[in-house]
Protein backbone atom coordinates (compact mmCIF):
# COMPACT_ATOMS: atom_id res chain seq x y z
CA MET A 1 -26.77 67.61 -38.01
CA THR A 2 -26.35 67.52 -34.28
CA ILE A 3 -24.09 65.08 -32.59
CA PHE A 4 -25.13 63.79 -29.21
CA CYS A 5 -22.62 62.30 -26.61
CA SER A 6 -23.30 58.60 -26.16
CA HIS A 7 -22.55 58.92 -22.56
CA CYS A 8 -24.61 61.90 -21.40
CA HIS A 9 -26.80 62.55 -24.52
CA ARG A 10 -25.79 66.19 -24.64
CA PRO A 11 -25.18 67.94 -27.95
CA LEU A 12 -21.35 68.05 -28.60
CA GLN A 13 -18.97 69.48 -31.12
CA ALA A 14 -17.10 67.12 -33.26
CA ASP A 15 -13.87 67.29 -31.36
CA VAL A 16 -15.33 67.26 -27.82
CA ASN A 17 -16.08 64.24 -25.68
CA CYS A 18 -17.22 64.27 -22.17
CA LEU A 19 -15.66 60.87 -21.27
CA PRO A 20 -12.39 61.08 -19.35
CA ARG A 21 -9.29 60.74 -21.51
CA ARG A 22 -7.32 57.47 -21.44
CA GLY A 23 -4.15 59.18 -20.72
CA LYS A 24 -5.44 60.32 -17.34
CA GLU A 25 -6.15 56.72 -16.45
CA GLY A 26 -2.64 55.56 -16.85
CA PRO A 27 -1.18 56.53 -13.39
CA SER A 28 -4.33 55.22 -11.44
CA ALA A 29 -4.32 51.93 -13.50
CA LEU A 30 -0.71 51.11 -12.24
CA LYS A 31 -1.70 51.46 -8.65
CA PRO A 32 -3.50 48.10 -8.21
CA SER A 33 -0.44 46.35 -9.83
CA ARG A 34 1.94 47.94 -7.32
CA SER A 35 -0.47 47.20 -4.53
CA THR A 36 -0.78 43.48 -5.40
CA LYS A 37 3.01 43.17 -5.67
CA ASN A 38 3.54 44.72 -2.35
CA ALA A 39 0.83 42.53 -0.76
CA SER A 40 2.53 39.40 -2.23
CA LYS A 41 5.78 40.34 -0.82
CA ALA A 42 4.29 40.98 2.60
CA ARG A 43 2.57 37.61 2.54
CA ARG A 44 5.94 35.93 1.63
CA ASP A 45 7.67 37.77 4.41
CA GLN A 46 4.97 36.72 6.88
CA ILE A 47 5.20 33.14 5.86
CA ASN A 48 8.98 33.13 6.14
CA THR A 49 8.61 34.70 9.66
CA GLU A 50 6.17 31.92 10.67
CA LEU A 51 8.39 29.15 9.41
CA GLN A 52 11.38 30.61 11.26
CA ALA A 53 9.26 30.76 14.38
CA LEU A 54 8.17 27.09 13.84
CA ARG A 55 11.82 26.01 13.27
CA SER A 56 12.85 27.52 16.55
CA LEU A 57 10.34 25.37 18.49
CA LEU A 58 11.54 22.09 17.10
CA PRO A 59 13.38 19.98 19.63
CA ILE A 60 16.59 19.54 17.68
CA SER A 61 20.05 21.16 18.00
CA ALA A 62 20.78 24.57 16.66
CA ARG A 63 23.19 23.14 14.08
CA GLU A 64 20.40 20.91 12.67
CA LYS A 65 17.99 23.86 12.63
CA GLU A 66 20.44 25.82 10.49
CA ARG A 67 20.63 23.12 7.85
CA LEU A 68 16.73 22.73 7.58
CA SER A 69 15.13 23.88 4.45
CA TYR A 70 11.45 25.21 4.49
CA LEU A 71 10.41 21.77 3.16
CA HIS A 72 12.26 19.95 5.88
CA THR A 73 10.87 22.32 8.54
CA MET A 74 7.23 21.65 7.33
CA ALA A 75 7.87 17.86 7.24
CA LEU A 76 9.19 17.90 10.82
CA VAL A 77 6.32 20.18 12.14
CA CYS A 78 3.70 17.87 10.56
CA LEU A 79 5.46 14.89 12.16
CA ARG A 80 5.25 16.60 15.51
CA LEU A 81 1.58 17.54 15.03
CA ARG A 82 0.69 13.93 14.10
CA GLY A 83 2.46 12.81 17.30
CA ALA A 84 0.59 15.37 19.37
CA GLN A 85 -2.72 14.11 17.98
CA LEU A 86 -1.99 10.49 18.91
CA PHE A 87 -0.10 11.27 22.07
CA PRO A 88 -1.67 14.47 23.51
CA PRO A 89 -0.40 15.96 26.72
CA GLY A 90 -1.44 14.06 29.69
CA THR A 91 -1.04 10.64 28.23
CA HIS A 92 1.66 8.28 29.49
CA VAL A 93 3.57 8.71 26.21
CA PRO A 94 5.31 11.98 25.25
CA PRO A 95 3.82 13.89 22.28
CA ALA A 96 6.53 12.85 19.87
CA GLY A 97 6.38 9.18 20.67
CA PRO A 98 8.75 7.14 22.78
CA ALA A 99 11.48 9.33 24.19
CA LEU A 100 14.57 7.04 24.27
CA GLY A 101 18.01 8.07 25.07
CA ALA A 102 20.91 7.71 22.51
CA GLU A 103 22.52 4.89 24.70
CA LEU A 104 19.31 2.89 24.73
CA LEU A 105 18.73 3.36 20.98
CA SER A 106 22.29 2.12 20.29
CA LEU A 107 21.50 -1.18 22.08
CA LEU A 108 18.48 -1.91 19.77
CA PRO A 109 18.96 -4.21 16.67
CA GLY A 110 17.11 -1.70 14.57
CA PHE A 111 15.20 1.63 14.67
CA LEU A 112 11.71 2.32 16.01
CA LEU A 113 8.86 3.37 13.87
CA VAL A 114 5.38 4.78 14.69
CA LEU A 115 2.64 4.95 12.04
CA SER A 116 -0.91 6.23 12.07
CA ALA A 117 -3.82 4.01 11.00
CA SER A 118 -3.53 5.42 7.42
CA GLY A 119 0.18 4.74 7.22
CA LYS A 120 1.42 8.29 8.05
CA LEU A 121 4.80 8.59 9.75
CA VAL A 122 4.41 9.64 13.35
CA TYR A 123 7.77 8.90 14.85
CA ILE A 124 11.15 7.63 13.67
CA SER A 125 14.07 7.16 16.09
CA GLU A 126 17.29 8.85 15.48
CA ASN A 127 19.31 5.70 15.07
CA VAL A 128 17.59 5.08 11.68
CA ALA A 129 20.80 6.56 10.19
CA GLN A 130 22.75 3.46 11.49
CA VAL A 131 20.39 1.17 9.35
CA LEU A 132 19.63 3.30 6.15
CA GLY A 133 22.43 5.85 6.08
CA LEU A 134 19.76 8.62 6.20
CA SER A 135 18.85 10.92 9.03
CA MET A 136 15.37 11.31 10.34
CA VAL A 137 15.07 14.63 8.50
CA GLU A 138 16.50 13.19 5.19
CA LEU A 139 14.06 10.36 5.37
CA LEU A 140 11.08 12.69 5.82
CA ALA A 141 12.06 14.52 2.77
CA GLN A 142 11.13 11.29 0.84
CA GLY A 143 7.47 11.80 1.92
CA ASP A 144 5.19 11.67 4.99
CA THR A 145 4.01 8.02 4.66
CA VAL A 146 5.70 4.68 5.16
CA PHE A 147 5.03 3.89 1.52
CA ASP A 148 7.29 6.76 0.45
CA ILE A 149 10.13 5.06 2.07
CA LEU A 150 9.39 1.41 1.00
CA ASP A 151 10.17 -0.26 -2.24
CA GLU A 152 7.30 -0.10 -4.55
CA GLN A 153 6.92 -3.85 -4.89
CA ALA A 154 6.21 -4.03 -1.18
CA HIS A 155 3.31 -1.52 -1.15
CA GLU A 156 0.56 -3.92 -1.53
CA ASP A 157 1.86 -6.39 1.01
CA ALA A 158 2.39 -3.50 3.47
CA ARG A 159 -1.14 -2.06 3.06
CA ARG A 160 -2.49 -5.67 3.55
CA GLN A 161 -0.46 -6.23 6.76
CA LEU A 162 -1.51 -2.85 8.26
CA LEU A 163 -5.09 -3.56 7.44
CA LEU A 164 -4.93 -7.00 9.09
CA ALA A 165 -3.11 -5.53 12.05
CA GLN A 166 -5.93 -2.96 12.46
CA GLU A 167 -8.50 -5.75 12.57
CA GLU A 168 -6.62 -7.38 15.40
CA PRO A 169 -5.05 -4.76 17.69
CA GLY A 170 -2.26 -6.05 19.85
CA ARG A 171 -1.36 -8.99 17.56
CA GLU A 172 2.07 -8.82 16.08
CA PHE A 173 2.51 -8.62 12.32
CA THR A 174 5.74 -8.77 10.21
CA PHE A 175 6.59 -7.90 6.63
CA VAL A 176 9.95 -7.47 4.85
CA SER A 177 10.69 -4.83 2.29
CA GLU A 178 13.71 -2.83 0.92
CA MET A 179 13.84 0.66 2.24
CA ARG A 180 15.37 3.71 0.56
CA THR A 181 18.88 4.40 1.59
CA SER A 182 21.56 7.05 1.10
CA LYS A 183 23.72 7.16 -2.13
CA ALA A 184 26.77 6.31 -0.13
CA PHE A 185 25.00 3.13 1.35
CA ARG A 186 23.98 1.98 -2.17
CA LEU A 187 27.41 2.54 -3.61
CA GLN A 188 28.93 0.53 -0.65
CA HIS A 189 26.37 -2.24 -0.58
CA GLY A 190 25.08 -2.34 -4.14
CA GLY A 191 21.47 -1.60 -3.35
CA ASN A 192 18.82 -0.54 -0.75
CA GLN A 193 18.49 -2.11 2.66
CA ALA A 194 16.03 -4.99 3.32
CA VAL A 195 14.28 -4.42 6.54
CA ALA A 196 11.95 -6.55 8.60
CA VAL A 197 9.11 -4.41 10.10
CA ARG A 198 7.68 -6.09 13.11
CA GLY A 199 4.90 -4.40 15.11
CA ARG A 200 1.38 -4.17 16.27
CA PHE A 201 -1.50 -1.57 16.59
CA MET A 202 -2.06 -0.13 20.03
CA ALA A 203 -4.39 2.50 21.39
CA PRO A 204 -2.39 5.20 23.43
CA ARG A 205 -5.73 6.62 24.83
CA TRP A 206 -9.25 5.67 25.00
CA PRO A 207 -11.79 5.21 23.49
CA ALA A 208 -9.91 3.18 20.97
CA CYS A 209 -10.74 4.05 17.31
CA PRO A 210 -8.73 4.28 14.03
CA SER A 211 -7.96 7.93 14.70
CA THR A 212 -6.35 7.15 18.00
CA ALA A 213 -4.56 3.88 17.07
CA ALA A 214 -0.93 3.76 16.37
CA PHE A 215 1.22 1.13 14.80
CA LEU A 216 4.39 0.61 16.80
CA ALA A 217 7.25 -1.36 15.07
CA LEU A 218 10.81 -2.38 15.42
CA CYS A 219 12.65 -2.21 12.05
CA THR A 220 15.59 -4.63 11.92
CA PRO A 221 18.07 -4.99 9.04
CA VAL A 222 17.95 -8.24 6.88
CA ILE A 223 20.76 -9.28 4.61
CA ARG A 224 20.54 -7.19 1.45
CA PHE A 225 18.47 -8.75 -1.36
CA PRO A 226 20.64 -9.80 -4.19
CA ALA A 227 19.99 -8.08 -7.51
CA ASP A 228 17.97 -9.94 -10.09
CA GLY A 229 20.22 -12.16 -11.97
CA ASP A 230 23.03 -11.93 -9.48
CA ALA A 231 24.15 -15.36 -8.61
CA GLY A 232 25.89 -14.25 -5.43
CA SER A 233 27.23 -17.00 -3.03
CA HIS A 234 25.84 -20.51 -3.40
CA ASP A 235 26.53 -21.18 0.33
CA ASP A 236 23.27 -19.47 1.21
CA LEU A 237 21.08 -21.25 -1.36
CA PHE A 238 19.17 -24.44 -1.76
CA GLN A 239 16.86 -25.71 -4.48
CA SER A 240 13.62 -27.72 -4.19
CA THR A 241 11.20 -29.40 -6.69
CA HIS A 242 7.55 -29.73 -6.16
CA VAL A 243 4.52 -31.06 -7.93
CA LEU A 244 1.89 -28.47 -8.83
CA ASP A 245 0.26 -28.58 -5.33
CA MET A 246 3.77 -27.70 -3.80
CA THR A 247 4.47 -31.12 -2.35
CA PHE A 248 8.14 -31.80 -2.18
CA THR A 249 9.48 -34.25 -4.71
CA ASP A 250 13.31 -33.45 -4.29
CA VAL A 251 15.53 -30.98 -2.52
CA THR A 252 19.27 -30.26 -2.42
CA GLU A 253 21.32 -31.68 0.47
CA SER A 254 22.24 -28.11 1.53
CA VAL A 255 18.76 -27.75 2.99
CA THR A 256 20.07 -29.57 6.15
CA TYR A 257 22.60 -26.65 6.73
CA HIS A 258 19.85 -23.98 6.42
CA LEU A 259 16.84 -25.61 7.81
CA GLY A 260 18.16 -28.57 9.75
CA TYR A 261 15.92 -31.20 7.91
CA ARG A 262 17.34 -34.27 6.07
CA ARG A 263 16.34 -34.54 2.48
CA GLU A 264 14.20 -37.66 3.20
CA GLU A 265 12.22 -35.82 5.92
CA LEU A 266 10.94 -33.29 3.31
CA ILE A 267 10.09 -35.43 0.43
CA GLY A 268 6.33 -35.93 0.41
CA GLN A 269 5.69 -33.13 2.72
CA SER A 270 3.80 -29.98 1.66
CA TRP A 271 5.69 -26.66 1.35
CA TYR A 272 2.79 -24.98 3.21
CA SER A 273 3.41 -27.13 6.35
CA LEU A 274 6.73 -25.18 6.86
CA LEU A 275 5.45 -21.63 6.30
CA HIS A 276 4.62 -19.10 8.93
CA PRO A 277 0.97 -18.58 9.11
CA GLU A 278 1.16 -14.93 8.42
CA ASP A 279 3.13 -15.59 5.21
CA ALA A 280 0.80 -18.26 3.72
CA ASP A 281 -1.20 -15.77 1.71
CA ARG A 282 1.91 -14.24 0.16
CA ALA A 283 3.20 -17.76 -0.70
CA ALA A 284 -0.25 -18.74 -2.23
CA THR A 285 -0.11 -15.56 -4.42
CA GLN A 286 3.29 -16.58 -5.65
CA HIS A 287 2.15 -20.19 -6.12
CA ARG A 288 -0.93 -19.21 -8.12
CA ALA A 289 0.91 -16.79 -10.36
CA VAL A 290 3.62 -19.43 -11.14
CA ALA A 291 1.02 -22.14 -11.70
CA LEU A 292 -0.90 -19.93 -14.17
CA GLY A 293 2.21 -18.79 -15.76
CA ALA A 294 1.77 -15.08 -15.35
CA GLY A 295 1.08 -12.25 -12.95
CA PRO A 296 3.04 -9.91 -10.85
CA GLY A 297 2.98 -12.46 -7.96
CA ALA A 298 5.44 -14.62 -9.85
CA GLY A 299 8.35 -12.55 -8.64
CA PRO A 300 10.50 -13.41 -5.62
CA ALA A 301 8.73 -13.52 -2.19
CA VAL A 302 10.15 -13.17 1.20
CA LEU A 303 8.79 -15.93 3.53
CA ARG A 304 9.38 -17.32 6.97
CA VAL A 305 10.02 -21.05 7.04
CA LEU A 306 10.04 -23.28 10.10
CA ARG A 307 13.45 -24.83 10.89
CA ARG A 308 13.83 -28.19 12.69
CA ASP A 309 14.76 -26.52 15.88
CA ARG A 310 11.33 -24.59 15.85
CA SER A 311 12.94 -21.17 14.98
CA TRP A 312 12.03 -19.27 11.92
CA ALA A 313 14.37 -18.78 8.91
CA TRP A 314 13.87 -15.90 6.49
CA LEU A 315 14.12 -17.11 2.84
CA ARG A 316 13.76 -15.13 -0.41
CA VAL A 317 12.06 -17.62 -2.69
CA SER A 318 12.00 -17.55 -6.42
CA ALA A 319 9.82 -20.12 -8.33
CA ARG A 320 9.44 -21.19 -11.87
CA ARG A 321 7.45 -23.88 -13.69
CA ASP A 322 9.59 -26.61 -15.16
CA GLY A 323 9.34 -30.32 -16.29
CA GLY A 324 7.02 -29.62 -19.19
CA GLY A 325 4.82 -27.52 -16.82
CA GLN A 326 4.28 -30.53 -14.39
CA ALA A 327 6.69 -29.35 -11.76
CA ILE A 328 7.68 -26.23 -9.85
CA THR A 329 11.22 -25.49 -8.94
CA CYS A 330 12.06 -23.14 -6.14
CA THR A 331 15.39 -21.44 -5.40
CA SER A 332 15.61 -20.32 -1.74
CA ARG A 333 18.17 -17.92 -0.47
CA CYS A 334 18.60 -17.77 3.25
CA LEU A 335 18.62 -14.09 4.38
CA ARG A 336 19.01 -14.88 8.18
């Protein structure tokens, strides 16, 4: 019986095969693996070289450059690129945003913040460390959007305020939130820092559109929020009782110290008549949640309330339903 090769169909002896032996394939089979390994190392070396070149171009001191990790380097580069997109060469504003000297920054009551229309960080002034205990580089390590440095409970309110600000460029909007701080700050003060973000959308260049609009804000520290369940000092508190539509039925005498009104002046007045117009929606959300007896809006809310001298007081208001469900009691802590 003749045996034919399955490869070339020639007659073969039983111990002969025209196919190459596997043993001879071994050396050539290893070559692609070594080649891939060398190529990966070459790519890593190229990436490291490019990152070092980018780091050398950053406008920071040599000492700060030495401390930058690759993550921090990329965060700073992205920040500069967003700034260059909003403030390209030839505009009246430098590419990185407002260039302010250390002396001028030290005179500000807070730090400067510039955001894109989507909430991306574009500029943070260097004096942010005086407020949060974190440098600009350390803050960028938290993320590249304003929501990464805000307390989670403030995300929804911050998004709403930014959307409203986009609809009315030039109009000033304000919201208050806790911002992330350094571990040393939290150990010293017992928590993160409450900050009032006050700013407006502006168009650095024309034609104005969402891609060219920037939110310029001044962030000033507010007295730290007390922890839930922390009684704190009673000197900065007053209590008020309302019917379900938030009309005052009673208020403690300490309201005179904080807001300037006598107790008799407030009884019969609506709580909403004292609120800042921009905070009315936030107060209504809390009111609705308390009246219905559930919902995330039933938590504390930071609101601006009109004093008798026509200035605004920042209050942290906690509300609960009492009196068999027929009354709402508010505990207000004056922040500043």
